[in-house]
Amino acid sequence: MRGIRGAITVEENTAEAVMEATREVVRAMLEANEVKTEDIGAAIFTATEDITAVFPAKGARSLPGFELVPLFDARQMDVDNALDHCIRVLLLVDTDRTQREIKHVFLGRAKSLRPDLARA
């Protein structure tokens, strides 16, 4: 089992924006790591305190194959000067890839969370 991390930001706190951003980052994580939904053990989502319109997991639930994937939402810690309007994702997946082969996906302003990945 491996963890795949991802994050994305939204520019507005609306259900449509949150769900679409969640779908976008999850699709990118699956594609980058060639993961099938039946290989996902669980998906954990966090959102910053300024995201209140909808649970990010609701967006993921609407993706094909996510009907049976266990999804969990939590509140991101409120840390001084942290990135706002941010959705973070952790996919726990069955894969033969090594940790070095896993591709983490950070989109939008969330790219600033992992500048080391942009250099890789």
PDB file of N, CA and C in Angstrom:
ATOM      1  N   MET A   1       0.853  -1.173   0.000  1.00  0.00           N
ATOM      2  CA  MET A   1       0.000   0.000   0.000  1.00  0.00           C
ATOM      3  C   MET A   1       0.897   1.233   0.000  1.00  0.00           C
ATOM      4  N   ARG A   2       0.518   2.207  -0.802  1.00  0.00           N
ATOM      5  CA  ARG A   2       1.239   3.479  -0.893  1.00  0.00           C
ATOM      6  C   ARG A   2       0.256   4.630  -0.751  1.00  0.00           C
ATOM      7  N   GLY A   3       0.777   5.756  -0.300  1.00  0.00           N
ATOM      8  CA  GLY A   3       0.001   6.986  -0.242  1.00  0.00           C
ATOM      9  C   GLY A   3       0.363   7.880  -1.401  1.00  0.00           C
ATOM     10  N   ILE A   4      -0.657   8.453  -2.012  1.00  0.00           N
ATOM     11  CA  ILE A   4      -0.464   9.431  -3.081  1.00  0.00           C
ATOM     12  C   ILE A   4      -1.086  10.732  -2.599  1.00  0.00           C
ATOM     13  N   ARG A   5      -0.310  11.803  -2.614  1.00  0.00           N
ATOM     14  CA  ARG A   5      -0.789  13.090  -2.135  1.00  0.00           C
ATOM     15  C   ARG A   5      -1.148  13.996  -3.293  1.00  0.00           C
ATOM     16  N   GLY A   6      -2.114  14.845  -3.021  1.00  0.00           N
ATOM     17  CA  GLY A   6      -2.505  15.851  -3.985  1.00  0.00           C
ATOM     18  C   GLY A   6      -3.150  17.027  -3.277  1.00  0.00           C
ATOM     19  N   ALA A   7      -3.202  18.148  -3.974  1.00  0.00           N
ATOM     20  CA  ALA A   7      -3.870  19.327  -3.434  1.00  0.00           C
ATOM     21  C   ALA A   7      -4.238  20.242  -4.587  1.00  0.00           C
ATOM     22  N   ILE A   8      -5.241  21.049  -4.346  1.00  0.00           N
ATOM     23  CA  ILE A   8      -5.706  22.014  -5.337  1.00  0.00           C
ATOM     24  C   ILE A   8      -6.369  23.163  -4.589  1.00  0.00           C
ATOM     25  N   THR A   9      -6.405  24.319  -5.196  1.00  0.00           N
ATOM     26  CA  THR A   9      -7.097  25.462  -4.607  1.00  0.00           C
ATOM     27  C   THR A   9      -8.323  25.807  -5.436  1.00  0.00           C
ATOM     28  N   VAL A  10      -9.271  26.443  -4.776  1.00  0.00           N
ATOM     29  CA  VAL A  10     -10.456  26.966  -5.460  1.00  0.00           C
ATOM     30  C   VAL A  10     -10.475  28.473  -5.267  1.00  0.00           C
ATOM     31  N   GLU A  11     -11.042  29.163  -6.216  1.00  0.00           N
ATOM     32  CA  GLU A  11     -11.091  30.622  -6.132  1.00  0.00           C
ATOM     33  C   GLU A  11     -12.382  31.122  -5.500  1.00  0.00           C
ATOM     34  N   GLU A  12     -13.369  30.228  -5.365  1.00  0.00           N
ATOM     35  CA  GLU A  12     -14.620  30.628  -4.720  1.00  0.00           C
ATOM     36  C   GLU A  12     -15.185  29.460  -3.937  1.00  0.00           C
ATOM     37  N   ASN A  13     -15.869  29.789  -2.874  1.00  0.00           N
ATOM     38  CA  ASN A  13     -16.467  28.788  -1.997  1.00  0.00           C
ATOM     39  C   ASN A  13     -17.889  28.480  -2.464  1.00  0.00           C
ATOM     40  N   THR A  14     -17.976  27.735  -3.556  1.00  0.00           N
ATOM     41  CA  THR A  14     -19.273  27.273  -4.045  1.00  0.00           C
ATOM     42  C   THR A  14     -19.214  25.763  -4.184  1.00  0.00           C
ATOM     43  N   ALA A  15     -20.366  25.119  -4.085  1.00  0.00           N
ATOM     44  CA  ALA A  15     -20.403  23.661  -4.221  1.00  0.00           C
ATOM     45  C   ALA A  15     -19.834  23.233  -5.564  1.00  0.00           C
ATOM     46  N   GLU A  16     -20.180  23.937  -6.626  1.00  0.00           N
ATOM     47  CA  GLU A  16     -19.716  23.573  -7.959  1.00  0.00           C
ATOM     48  C   GLU A  16     -18.196  23.668  -8.062  1.00  0.00           C
ATOM     49  N   ALA A  17     -17.612  24.765  -7.538  1.00  0.00           N
ATOM     50  CA  ALA A  17     -16.171  24.962  -7.624  1.00  0.00           C
ATOM     51  C   ALA A  17     -15.423  23.908  -6.803  1.00  0.00           C
ATOM     52  N   VAL A  18     -15.908  23.610  -5.609  1.00  0.00           N
ATOM     53  CA  VAL A  18     -15.250  22.637  -4.736  1.00  0.00           C
ATOM     54  C   VAL A  18     -15.325  21.236  -5.338  1.00  0.00           C
ATOM     55  N   MET A  19     -16.496  20.850  -5.824  1.00  0.00           N
ATOM     56  CA  MET A  19     -16.642  19.506  -6.387  1.00  0.00           C
ATOM     57  C   MET A  19     -15.820  19.349  -7.663  1.00  0.00           C
ATOM     58  N   GLU A  20     -15.811  20.365  -8.521  1.00  0.00           N
ATOM     59  CA  GLU A  20     -15.042  20.261  -9.763  1.00  0.00           C
ATOM     60  C   GLU A  20     -13.546  20.225  -9.472  1.00  0.00           C
ATOM     61  N   ALA A  21     -13.074  21.038  -8.542  1.00  0.00           N
ATOM     62  CA  ALA A  21     -11.656  21.020  -8.189  1.00  0.00           C
ATOM     63  C   ALA A  21     -11.256  19.660  -7.614  1.00  0.00           C
ATOM     64  N   THR A  22     -12.109  19.100  -6.776  1.00  0.00           N
ATOM     65  CA  THR A  22     -11.825  17.786  -6.195  1.00  0.00           C
ATOM     66  C   THR A  22     -11.738  16.737  -7.292  1.00  0.00           C
ATOM     67  N   ARG A  23     -12.687  16.744  -8.213  1.00  0.00           N
ATOM     68  CA  ARG A  23     -12.641  15.787  -9.321  1.00  0.00           C
ATOM     69  C   ARG A  23     -11.375  15.974 -10.148  1.00  0.00           C
ATOM     70  N   GLU A  24     -10.993  17.217 -10.397  1.00  0.00           N
ATOM     71  CA  GLU A  24      -9.812  17.497 -11.212  1.00  0.00           C
ATOM     72  C   GLU A  24      -8.542  16.934 -10.583  1.00  0.00           C
ATOM     73  N   VAL A  25      -8.341  17.190  -9.306  1.00  0.00           N
ATOM     74  CA  VAL A  25      -7.108  16.715  -8.671  1.00  0.00           C
ATOM     75  C   VAL A  25      -7.102  15.198  -8.528  1.00  0.00           C
ATOM     76  N   VAL A  26      -8.241  14.604  -8.208  1.00  0.00           N
ATOM     77  CA  VAL A  26      -8.293  13.144  -8.063  1.00  0.00           C
ATOM     78  C   VAL A  26      -8.047  12.471  -9.411  1.00  0.00           C
ATOM     79  N   ARG A  27      -8.682  12.965 -10.459  1.00  0.00           N
ATOM     80  CA  ARG A  27      -8.443  12.394 -11.798  1.00  0.00           C
ATOM     81  C   ARG A  27      -6.966  12.489 -12.163  1.00  0.00           C
ATOM     82  N   ALA A  28      -6.339  13.633 -11.881  1.00  0.00           N
ATOM     83  CA  ALA A  28      -4.921  13.817 -12.205  1.00  0.00           C
ATOM     84  C   ALA A  28      -4.045  12.858 -11.402  1.00  0.00           C
ATOM     85  N   MET A  29      -4.387  12.629 -10.136  1.00  0.00           N
ATOM     86  CA  MET A  29      -3.624  11.695  -9.301  1.00  0.00           C
ATOM     87  C   MET A  29      -3.732  10.270  -9.830  1.00  0.00           C
ATOM     88  N   LEU A  30      -4.941   9.876 -10.217  1.00  0.00           N
ATOM     89  CA  LEU A  30      -5.149   8.529 -10.756  1.00  0.00           C
ATOM     90  C   LEU A  30      -4.390   8.341 -12.063  1.00  0.00           C
ATOM     91  N   GLU A  31      -4.491   9.324 -12.942  1.00  0.00           N
ATOM     92  CA  GLU A  31      -3.837   9.231 -14.244  1.00  0.00           C
ATOM     93  C   GLU A  31      -2.319   9.209 -14.100  1.00  0.00           C
ATOM     94  N   ALA A  32      -1.762  10.092 -13.278  1.00  0.00           N
ATOM     95  CA  ALA A  32      -0.307  10.180 -13.131  1.00  0.00           C
ATOM     96  C   ALA A  32       0.299   8.902 -12.567  1.00  0.00           C
ATOM     97  N   ASN A  33      -0.505   8.157 -11.799  1.00  0.00           N
ATOM     98  CA  ASN A  33       0.007   6.951 -11.145  1.00  0.00           C
ATOM     99  C   ASN A  33      -0.608   5.665 -11.686  1.00  0.00           C
ATOM    100  N   GLU A  34      -1.382   5.781 -12.765  1.00  0.00           N
ATOM    101  CA  GLU A  34      -2.025   4.631 -13.409  1.00  0.00           C
ATOM    102  C   GLU A  34      -2.773   3.769 -12.394  1.00  0.00           C
ATOM    103  N   VAL A  35      -3.596   4.429 -11.586  1.00  0.00           N
ATOM    104  CA  VAL A  35      -4.359   3.754 -10.534  1.00  0.00           C
ATOM    105  C   VAL A  35      -5.795   3.541 -11.000  1.00  0.00           C
ATOM    106  N   LYS A  36      -6.322   2.353 -10.739  1.00  0.00           N
ATOM    107  CA  LYS A  36      -7.730   2.048 -10.979  1.00  0.00           C
ATOM    108  C   LYS A  36      -8.478   2.206  -9.661  1.00  0.00           C
ATOM    109  N   THR A  37      -9.733   2.581  -9.739  1.00  0.00           N
ATOM    110  CA  THR A  37     -10.485   2.823  -8.504  1.00  0.00           C
ATOM    111  C   THR A  37     -10.564   1.582  -7.621  1.00  0.00           C
ATOM    112  N   GLU A  38     -10.578   0.394  -8.219  1.00  0.00           N
ATOM    113  CA  GLU A  38     -10.669  -0.815  -7.386  1.00  0.00           C
ATOM    114  C   GLU A  38      -9.385  -1.063  -6.592  1.00  0.00           C
ATOM    115  N   ASP A  39      -8.317  -0.306  -6.893  1.00  0.00           N
ATOM    116  CA  ASP A  39      -7.065  -0.420  -6.146  1.00  0.00           C
ATOM    117  C   ASP A  39      -6.947   0.603  -5.020  1.00  0.00           C
ATOM    118  N   ILE A  40      -7.975   1.431  -4.837  1.00  0.00           N
ATOM    119  CA  ILE A  40      -7.944   2.449  -3.785  1.00  0.00           C
ATOM    120  C   ILE A  40      -8.513   1.857  -2.507  1.00  0.00           C
ATOM    121  N   GLY A  41      -7.711   1.875  -1.444  1.00  0.00           N
ATOM    122  CA  GLY A  41      -8.171   1.394  -0.143  1.00  0.00           C
ATOM    123  C   GLY A  41      -9.042   2.417   0.550  1.00  0.00           C
ATOM    124  N   ALA A  42      -8.698   3.698   0.415  1.00  0.00           N
ATOM    125  CA  ALA A  42      -9.455   4.791   1.020  1.00  0.00           C
ATOM    126  C   ALA A  42      -8.931   6.107   0.474  1.00  0.00           C
ATOM    127  N   ALA A  43      -9.769   7.136   0.569  1.00  0.00           N
ATOM    128  CA  ALA A  43      -9.382   8.487   0.176  1.00  0.00           C
ATOM    129  C   ALA A  43      -9.732   9.431   1.315  1.00  0.00           C
ATOM    130  N   ILE A  44      -8.753  10.246   1.710  1.00  0.00           N
ATOM    131  CA  ILE A  44      -8.947  11.211   2.782  1.00  0.00           C
ATOM    132  C   ILE A  44      -8.821  12.613   2.188  1.00  0.00           C
ATOM    133  N   PHE A  45      -9.787  13.460   2.511  1.00  0.00           N
ATOM    134  CA  PHE A  45      -9.816  14.831   2.015  1.00  0.00           C
ATOM    135  C   PHE A  45      -9.799  15.784   3.200  1.00  0.00           C
ATOM    136  N   THR A  46      -9.031  16.867   3.090  1.00  0.00           N
ATOM    137  CA  THR A  46      -9.135  17.944   4.063  1.00  0.00           C
ATOM    138  C   THR A  46      -9.413  19.227   3.296  1.00  0.00           C
ATOM    139  N   ALA A  47     -10.050  20.157   3.975  1.00  0.00           N
ATOM    140  CA  ALA A  47     -10.331  21.464   3.392  1.00  0.00           C
ATOM    141  C   ALA A  47     -10.026  22.540   4.430  1.00  0.00           C
ATOM    142  N   THR A  48      -9.539  23.662   3.955  1.00  0.00           N
ATOM    143  CA  THR A  48      -9.284  24.774   4.859  1.00  0.00           C
ATOM    144  C   THR A  48     -10.612  25.328   5.371  1.00  0.00           C
ATOM    145  N   GLU A  49     -10.550  26.102   6.449  1.00  0.00           N
ATOM    146  CA  GLU A  49     -11.764  26.571   7.116  1.00  0.00           C
ATOM    147  C   GLU A  49     -12.648  27.454   6.251  1.00  0.00           C
ATOM    148  N   ASP A  50     -12.092  28.023   5.176  1.00  0.00           N
ATOM    149  CA  ASP A  50     -12.883  28.903   4.315  1.00  0.00           C
ATOM    150  C   ASP A  50     -13.668  28.139   3.251  1.00  0.00           C
ATOM    151  N   ILE A  51     -13.561  26.821   3.236  1.00  0.00           N
ATOM    152  CA  ILE A  51     -14.364  25.990   2.329  1.00  0.00           C
ATOM    153  C   ILE A  51     -15.488  25.367   3.150  1.00  0.00           C
ATOM    154  N   THR A  52     -16.708  25.853   2.906  1.00  0.00           N
ATOM    155  CA  THR A  52     -17.869  25.423   3.689  1.00  0.00           C
ATOM    156  C   THR A  52     -19.067  25.037   2.828  1.00  0.00           C
ATOM    157  N   ALA A  53     -18.969  25.200   1.521  1.00  0.00           N
ATOM    158  CA  ALA A  53     -20.121  25.002   0.642  1.00  0.00           C
ATOM    159  C   ALA A  53     -20.514  23.534   0.483  1.00  0.00           C
ATOM    160  N   VAL A  54     -19.532  22.637   0.535  1.00  0.00           N
ATOM    161  CA  VAL A  54     -19.800  21.214   0.311  1.00  0.00           C
ATOM    162  C   VAL A  54     -18.570  20.426   0.759  1.00  0.00           C
ATOM    163  N   PHE A  55     -18.784  19.158   1.098  1.00  0.00           N
ATOM    164  CA  PHE A  55     -17.664  18.276   1.412  1.00  0.00           C
ATOM    165  C   PHE A  55     -16.922  17.935   0.121  1.00  0.00           C
ATOM    166  N   PRO A  56     -15.589  18.036   0.086  1.00  0.00           N
ATOM    167  CA  PRO A  56     -14.858  17.637  -1.127  1.00  0.00           C
ATOM    168  C   PRO A  56     -15.152  16.193  -1.554  1.00  0.00           C
ATOM    169  N   ALA A  57     -15.362  15.305  -0.596  1.00  0.00           N
ATOM    170  CA  ALA A  57     -15.640  13.904  -0.944  1.00  0.00           C
ATOM    171  C   ALA A  57     -16.870  13.766  -1.827  1.00  0.00           C
ATOM    172  N   LYS A  58     -17.796  14.691  -1.728  1.00  0.00           N
ATOM    173  CA  LYS A  58     -18.992  14.624  -2.585  1.00  0.00           C
ATOM    174  C   LYS A  58     -18.593  14.734  -4.054  1.00  0.00           C
ATOM    175  N   GLY A  59     -17.596  15.548  -4.355  1.00  0.00           N
ATOM    176  CA  GLY A  59     -17.105  15.646  -5.726  1.00  0.00           C
ATOM    177  C   GLY A  59     -16.474  14.347  -6.183  1.00  0.00           C
ATOM    178  N   ALA A  60     -15.649  13.749  -5.328  1.00  0.00           N
ATOM    179  CA  ALA A  60     -15.005  12.483  -5.685  1.00  0.00           C
ATOM    180  C   ALA A  60     -16.032  11.375  -5.856  1.00  0.00           C
ATOM    181  N   ARG A  61     -17.049  11.364  -5.009  1.00  0.00           N
ATOM    182  CA  ARG A  61     -18.070  10.308  -5.073  1.00  0.00           C
ATOM    183  C   ARG A  61     -18.733  10.268  -6.448  1.00  0.00           C
ATOM    184  N   SER A  62     -18.788  11.394  -7.135  1.00  0.00           N
ATOM    185  CA  SER A  62     -19.451  11.438  -8.443  1.00  0.00           C
ATOM    186  C   SER A  62     -18.565  10.926  -9.577  1.00  0.00           C
ATOM    187  N   LEU A  63     -17.300  10.620  -9.292  1.00  0.00           N
ATOM    188  CA  LEU A  63     -16.421  10.070 -10.325  1.00  0.00           C
ATOM    189  C   LEU A  63     -16.760   8.602 -10.597  1.00  0.00           C
ATOM    190  N   PRO A  64     -16.616   8.156 -11.840  1.00  0.00           N
ATOM    191  CA  PRO A  64     -16.876   6.749 -12.151  1.00  0.00           C
ATOM    192  C   PRO A  64     -15.993   5.829 -11.314  1.00  0.00           C
ATOM    193  N   GLY A  65     -16.586   4.803 -10.741  1.00  0.00           N
ATOM    194  CA  GLY A  65     -15.857   3.818  -9.966  1.00  0.00           C
ATOM    195  C   GLY A  65     -15.691   4.151  -8.494  1.00  0.00           C
ATOM    196  N   PHE A  66     -16.114   5.328  -8.065  1.00  0.00           N
ATOM    197  CA  PHE A  66     -15.930   5.735  -6.671  1.00  0.00           C
ATOM    198  C   PHE A  66     -17.112   5.372  -5.780  1.00  0.00           C
ATOM    199  N   GLU A  67     -18.076   4.614  -6.309  1.00  0.00           N
ATOM    200  CA  GLU A  67     -19.258   4.264  -5.530  1.00  0.00           C
ATOM    201  C   GLU A  67     -18.910   3.467  -4.268  1.00  0.00           C
ATOM    202  N   LEU A  68     -17.863   2.641  -4.337  1.00  0.00           N
ATOM    203  CA  LEU A  68     -17.508   1.764  -3.223  1.00  0.00           C
ATOM    204  C   LEU A  68     -16.237   2.181  -2.485  1.00  0.00           C
ATOM    205  N   VAL A  69     -15.577   3.236  -2.948  1.00  0.00           N
ATOM    206  CA  VAL A  69     -14.341   3.680  -2.305  1.00  0.00           C
ATOM    207  C   VAL A  69     -14.681   4.383  -0.988  1.00  0.00           C
ATOM    208  N   PRO A  70     -14.063   3.973   0.131  1.00  0.00           N
ATOM    209  CA  PRO A  70     -14.289   4.676   1.388  1.00  0.00           C
ATOM    210  C   PRO A  70     -13.695   6.092   1.317  1.00  0.00           C
ATOM    211  N   LEU A  71     -14.523   7.092   1.579  1.00  0.00           N
ATOM    212  CA  LEU A  71     -14.098   8.489   1.516  1.00  0.00           C
ATOM    213  C   LEU A  71     -14.271   9.129   2.886  1.00  0.00           C
ATOM    214  N   PHE A  72     -13.370  10.037   3.237  1.00  0.00           N
ATOM    215  CA  PHE A  72     -13.416  10.673   4.548  1.00  0.00           C
ATOM    216  C   PHE A  72     -13.007  12.137   4.412  1.00  0.00           C
ATOM    217  N   ASP A  73     -13.801  13.035   4.984  1.00  0.00           N
ATOM    218  CA  ASP A  73     -13.500  14.467   4.993  1.00  0.00           C
ATOM    219  C   ASP A  73     -13.065  14.895   6.379  1.00  0.00           C
ATOM    220  N   ALA A  74     -12.147  15.871   6.433  1.00  0.00           N
ATOM    221  CA  ALA A  74     -11.719  16.455   7.704  1.00  0.00           C
ATOM    222  C   ALA A  74     -11.375  17.926   7.473  1.00  0.00           C
ATOM    223  N   ARG A  75     -11.303  18.670   8.552  1.00  0.00           N
ATOM    224  CA  ARG A  75     -10.929  20.076   8.496  1.00  0.00           C
ATOM    225  C   ARG A  75      -9.409  20.187   8.571  1.00  0.00           C
ATOM    226  N   GLN A  76      -8.835  20.968   7.670  1.00  0.00           N
ATOM    227  CA  GLN A  76      -7.398  21.236   7.706  1.00  0.00           C
ATOM    228  C   GLN A  76      -7.084  22.136   8.898  1.00  0.00           C
ATOM    229  N   MET A  77      -5.964  21.923   9.532  1.00  0.00           N
ATOM    230  CA  MET A  77      -5.550  22.784  10.641  1.00  0.00           C
ATOM    231  C   MET A  77      -5.486  24.237  10.182  1.00  0.00           C
ATOM    232  N   ASP A  78      -5.891  25.152  11.057  1.00  0.00           N
ATOM    233  CA  ASP A  78      -5.823  26.582  10.770  1.00  0.00           C
ATOM    234  C   ASP A  78      -4.479  27.098  11.270  1.00  0.00           C
ATOM    235  N   VAL A  79      -3.515  27.196  10.369  1.00  0.00           N
ATOM    236  CA  VAL A  79      -2.152  27.602  10.700  1.00  0.00           C
ATOM    237  C   VAL A  79      -1.923  29.015  10.162  1.00  0.00           C
ATOM    238  N   ASP A  80      -1.250  29.845  10.937  1.00  0.00           N
ATOM    239  CA  ASP A  80      -0.951  31.213  10.505  1.00  0.00           C
ATOM    240  C   ASP A  80      -0.272  31.216   9.138  1.00  0.00           C
ATOM    241  N   ASN A  81      -0.742  32.088   8.269  1.00  0.00           N
ATOM    242  CA  ASN A  81      -0.176  32.306   6.930  1.00  0.00           C
ATOM    243  C   ASN A  81      -0.254  31.084   6.018  1.00  0.00           C
ATOM    244  N   ALA A  82      -1.133  30.142   6.321  1.00  0.00           N
ATOM    245  CA  ALA A  82      -1.292  28.963   5.467  1.00  0.00           C
ATOM    246  C   ALA A  82      -2.054  29.325   4.197  1.00  0.00           C
ATOM    247  N   LEU A  83      -1.928  28.480   3.208  1.00  0.00           N
ATOM    248  CA  LEU A  83      -2.634  28.646   1.941  1.00  0.00           C
ATOM    249  C   LEU A  83      -4.135  28.558   2.168  1.00  0.00           C
ATOM    250  N   ASP A  84      -4.883  29.498   1.623  1.00  0.00           N
ATOM    251  CA  ASP A  84      -6.332  29.507   1.792  1.00  0.00           C
ATOM    252  C   ASP A  84      -7.029  28.772   0.653  1.00  0.00           C
ATOM    253  N   HIS A  85      -8.305  28.481   0.862  1.00  0.00           N
ATOM    254  CA  HIS A  85      -9.148  27.828  -0.153  1.00  0.00           C
ATOM    255  C   HIS A  85      -8.485  26.587  -0.756  1.00  0.00           C
ATOM    256  N   CYS A  86      -7.963  25.742   0.117  1.00  0.00           N
ATOM    257  CA  CYS A  86      -7.178  24.590  -0.339  1.00  0.00           C
ATOM    258  C   CYS A  86      -7.834  23.268   0.060  1.00  0.00           C
ATOM    259  N   ILE A  87      -7.877  22.366  -0.898  1.00  0.00           N
ATOM    260  CA  ILE A  87      -8.358  20.996  -0.696  1.00  0.00           C
ATOM    261  C   ILE A  87      -7.144  20.082  -0.824  1.00  0.00           C
ATOM    262  N   ARG A  88      -6.928  19.255   0.181  1.00  0.00           N
ATOM    263  CA  ARG A  88      -5.825  18.302   0.147  1.00  0.00           C
ATOM    264  C   ARG A  88      -6.402  16.888   0.075  1.00  0.00           C
ATOM    265  N   VAL A  89      -5.666  15.996  -0.583  1.00  0.00           N
ATOM    266  CA  VAL A  89      -6.134  14.625  -0.798  1.00  0.00           C
ATOM    267  C   VAL A  89      -5.010  13.649  -0.474  1.00  0.00           C
ATOM    268  N   LEU A  90      -5.378  12.552   0.160  1.00  0.00           N
ATOM    269  CA  LEU A  90      -4.471  11.422   0.356  1.00  0.00           C
ATOM    270  C   LEU A  90      -5.197  10.177  -0.126  1.00  0.00           C
ATOM    271  N   LEU A  91      -4.684   9.569  -1.180  1.00  0.00           N
ATOM    272  CA  LEU A  91      -5.212   8.302  -1.667  1.00  0.00           C
ATOM    273  C   LEU A  91      -4.320   7.182  -1.139  1.00  0.00           C
ATOM    274  N   LEU A  92      -4.917   6.190  -0.524  1.00  0.00           N
ATOM    275  CA  LEU A  92      -4.195   5.001  -0.089  1.00  0.00           C
ATOM    276  C   LEU A  92      -4.490   3.914  -1.109  1.00  0.00           C
ATOM    277  N   VAL A  93      -3.450   3.485  -1.823  1.00  0.00           N
ATOM    278  CA  VAL A  93      -3.668   2.595  -2.964  1.00  0.00           C
ATOM    279  C   VAL A  93      -2.777   1.361  -2.901  1.00  0.00           C
ATOM    280  N   ASP A  94      -3.298   0.273  -3.446  1.00  0.00           N
ATOM    281  CA  ASP A  94      -2.506  -0.932  -3.664  1.00  0.00           C
ATOM    282  C   ASP A  94      -1.761  -0.744  -4.989  1.00  0.00           C
ATOM    283  N   THR A  95      -0.445  -0.786  -4.930  1.00  0.00           N
ATOM    284  CA  THR A  95       0.368  -0.584  -6.129  1.00  0.00           C
ATOM    285  C   THR A  95       1.711  -1.266  -5.940  1.00  0.00           C
ATOM    286  N   ASP A  96       2.328  -1.610  -7.052  1.00  0.00           N
ATOM    287  CA  ASP A  96       3.670  -2.166  -7.027  1.00  0.00           C
ATOM    288  C   ASP A  96       4.725  -1.074  -7.147  1.00  0.00           C
ATOM    289  N   ARG A  97       4.299   0.169  -7.340  1.00  0.00           N
ATOM    290  CA  ARG A  97       5.247   1.279  -7.475  1.00  0.00           C
ATOM    291  C   ARG A  97       5.972   1.519  -6.150  1.00  0.00           C
ATOM    292  N   THR A  98       7.225   1.900  -6.261  1.00  0.00           N
ATOM    293  CA  THR A  98       7.981   2.283  -5.074  1.00  0.00           C
ATOM    294  C   THR A  98       7.601   3.709  -4.680  1.00  0.00           C
ATOM    295  N   GLN A  99       7.999   4.118  -3.490  1.00  0.00           N
ATOM    296  CA  GLN A  99       7.723   5.498  -3.070  1.00  0.00           C
ATOM    297  C   GLN A  99       8.324   6.498  -4.044  1.00  0.00           C
ATOM    298  N   ARG A 100       9.505   6.210  -4.569  1.00  0.00           N
ATOM    299  CA  ARG A 100      10.145   7.125  -5.529  1.00  0.00           C
ATOM    300  C   ARG A 100       9.375   7.207  -6.846  1.00  0.00           C
ATOM    301  N   GLU A 101       8.639   6.178  -7.170  1.00  0.00           N
ATOM    302  CA  GLU A 101       7.896   6.160  -8.439  1.00  0.00           C
ATOM    303  C   GLU A 101       6.527   6.826  -8.333  1.00  0.00           C
ATOM    304  N   ILE A 102       6.055   7.062  -7.117  1.00  0.00           N
ATOM    305  CA  ILE A 102       4.756   7.708  -6.924  1.00  0.00           C
ATOM    306  C   ILE A 102       4.849   9.163  -7.366  1.00  0.00           C
ATOM    307  N   LYS A 103       3.833   9.619  -8.085  1.00  0.00           N
ATOM    308  CA  LYS A 103       3.780  11.005  -8.557  1.00  0.00           C
ATOM    309  C   LYS A 103       2.680  11.733  -7.791  1.00  0.00           C
ATOM    310  N   HIS A 104       3.078  12.657  -6.940  1.00  0.00           N
ATOM    311  CA  HIS A 104       2.136  13.474  -6.191  1.00  0.00           C
ATOM    312  C   HIS A 104       1.714  14.643  -7.078  1.00  0.00           C
ATOM    313  N   VAL A 105       0.484  15.117  -6.913  1.00  0.00           N
ATOM    314  CA  VAL A 105      -0.084  16.106  -7.828  1.00  0.00           C
ATOM    315  C   VAL A 105      -0.569  17.325  -7.046  1.00  0.00           C
ATOM    316  N   PHE A 106       0.009  18.472  -7.352  1.00  0.00           N
ATOM    317  CA  PHE A 106      -0.387  19.727  -6.717  1.00  0.00           C
ATOM    318  C   PHE A 106      -0.739  20.713  -7.824  1.00  0.00           C
ATOM    319  N   LEU A 107      -1.982  21.202  -7.786  1.00  0.00           N
ATOM    320  CA  LEU A 107      -2.499  22.048  -8.854  1.00  0.00           C
ATOM    321  C   LEU A 107      -2.892  23.425  -8.322  1.00  0.00           C
ATOM    322  N   GLY A 108      -2.989  24.382  -9.243  1.00  0.00           N
ATOM    323  CA  GLY A 108      -3.382  25.734  -8.857  1.00  0.00           C
ATOM    324  C   GLY A 108      -2.349  26.337  -7.911  1.00  0.00           C
ATOM    325  N   ARG A 109      -2.823  27.153  -6.984  1.00  0.00           N
ATOM    326  CA  ARG A 109      -1.924  27.773  -6.016  1.00  0.00           C
ATOM    327  C   ARG A 109      -1.316  26.751  -5.058  1.00  0.00           C
ATOM    328  N   ALA A 110      -1.872  25.536  -5.029  1.00  0.00           N
ATOM    329  CA  ALA A 110      -1.338  24.487  -4.159  1.00  0.00           C
ATOM    330  C   ALA A 110       0.044  24.013  -4.611  1.00  0.00           C
ATOM    331  N   LYS A 111       0.459  24.373  -5.817  1.00  0.00           N
ATOM    332  CA  LYS A 111       1.819  24.041  -6.263  1.00  0.00           C
ATOM    333  C   LYS A 111       2.847  24.617  -5.294  1.00  0.00           C
ATOM    334  N   SER A 112       2.504  25.711  -4.635  1.00  0.00           N
ATOM    335  CA  SER A 112       3.439  26.349  -3.700  1.00  0.00           C
ATOM    336  C   SER A 112       3.703  25.484  -2.466  1.00  0.00           C
ATOM    337  N   LEU A 113       2.859  24.502  -2.205  1.00  0.00           N
ATOM    338  CA  LEU A 113       3.043  23.628  -1.059  1.00  0.00           C
ATOM    339  C   LEU A 113       4.218  22.668  -1.263  1.00  0.00           C
ATOM    340  N   ARG A 114       4.495  22.327  -2.510  1.00  0.00           N
ATOM    341  CA  ARG A 114       5.561  21.358  -2.814  1.00  0.00           C
ATOM    342  C   ARG A 114       6.409  21.855  -3.992  1.00  0.00           C
ATOM    343  N   PRO A 115       7.165  22.945  -3.809  1.00  0.00           N
ATOM    344  CA  PRO A 115       8.000  23.444  -4.916  1.00  0.00           C
ATOM    345  C   PRO A 115       9.051  22.429  -5.344  1.00  0.00           C
ATOM    346  N   ASP A 116       9.416  21.514  -4.454  1.00  0.00           N
ATOM    347  CA  ASP A 116      10.393  20.483  -4.813  1.00  0.00           C
ATOM    348  C   ASP A 116       9.880  19.576  -5.920  1.00  0.00           C
ATOM    349  N   LEU A 117       8.571  19.385  -6.006  1.00  0.00           N
ATOM    350  CA  LEU A 117       8.010  18.532  -7.047  1.00  0.00           C
ATOM    351  C   LEU A 117       8.084  19.197  -8.415  1.00  0.00           C
ATOM    352  N   ALA A 118       8.017  20.514  -8.458  1.00  0.00           N
ATOM    353  CA  ALA A 118       8.104  21.229  -9.721  1.00  0.00           C
ATOM    354  C   ALA A 118       9.504  21.108 -10.327  1.00  0.00           C
ATOM    355  N   ARG A 119      10.496  20.944  -9.452  1.00  0.00           N
ATOM    356  CA  ARG A 119      11.879  20.790  -9.928  1.00  0.00           C
ATOM    357  C   ARG A 119      12.193  19.373 -10.350  1.00  0.00           C
ATOM    358  N   ALA A 120      11.404  18.421  -9.870  1.00  0.00           N
ATOM    359  CA  ALA A 120      11.696  16.997 -10.135  1.00  0.00           C
ATOM    360  C   ALA A 120      11.384  16.616 -11.561  1.00  0.00           C
TER     361      ALA A 120
END
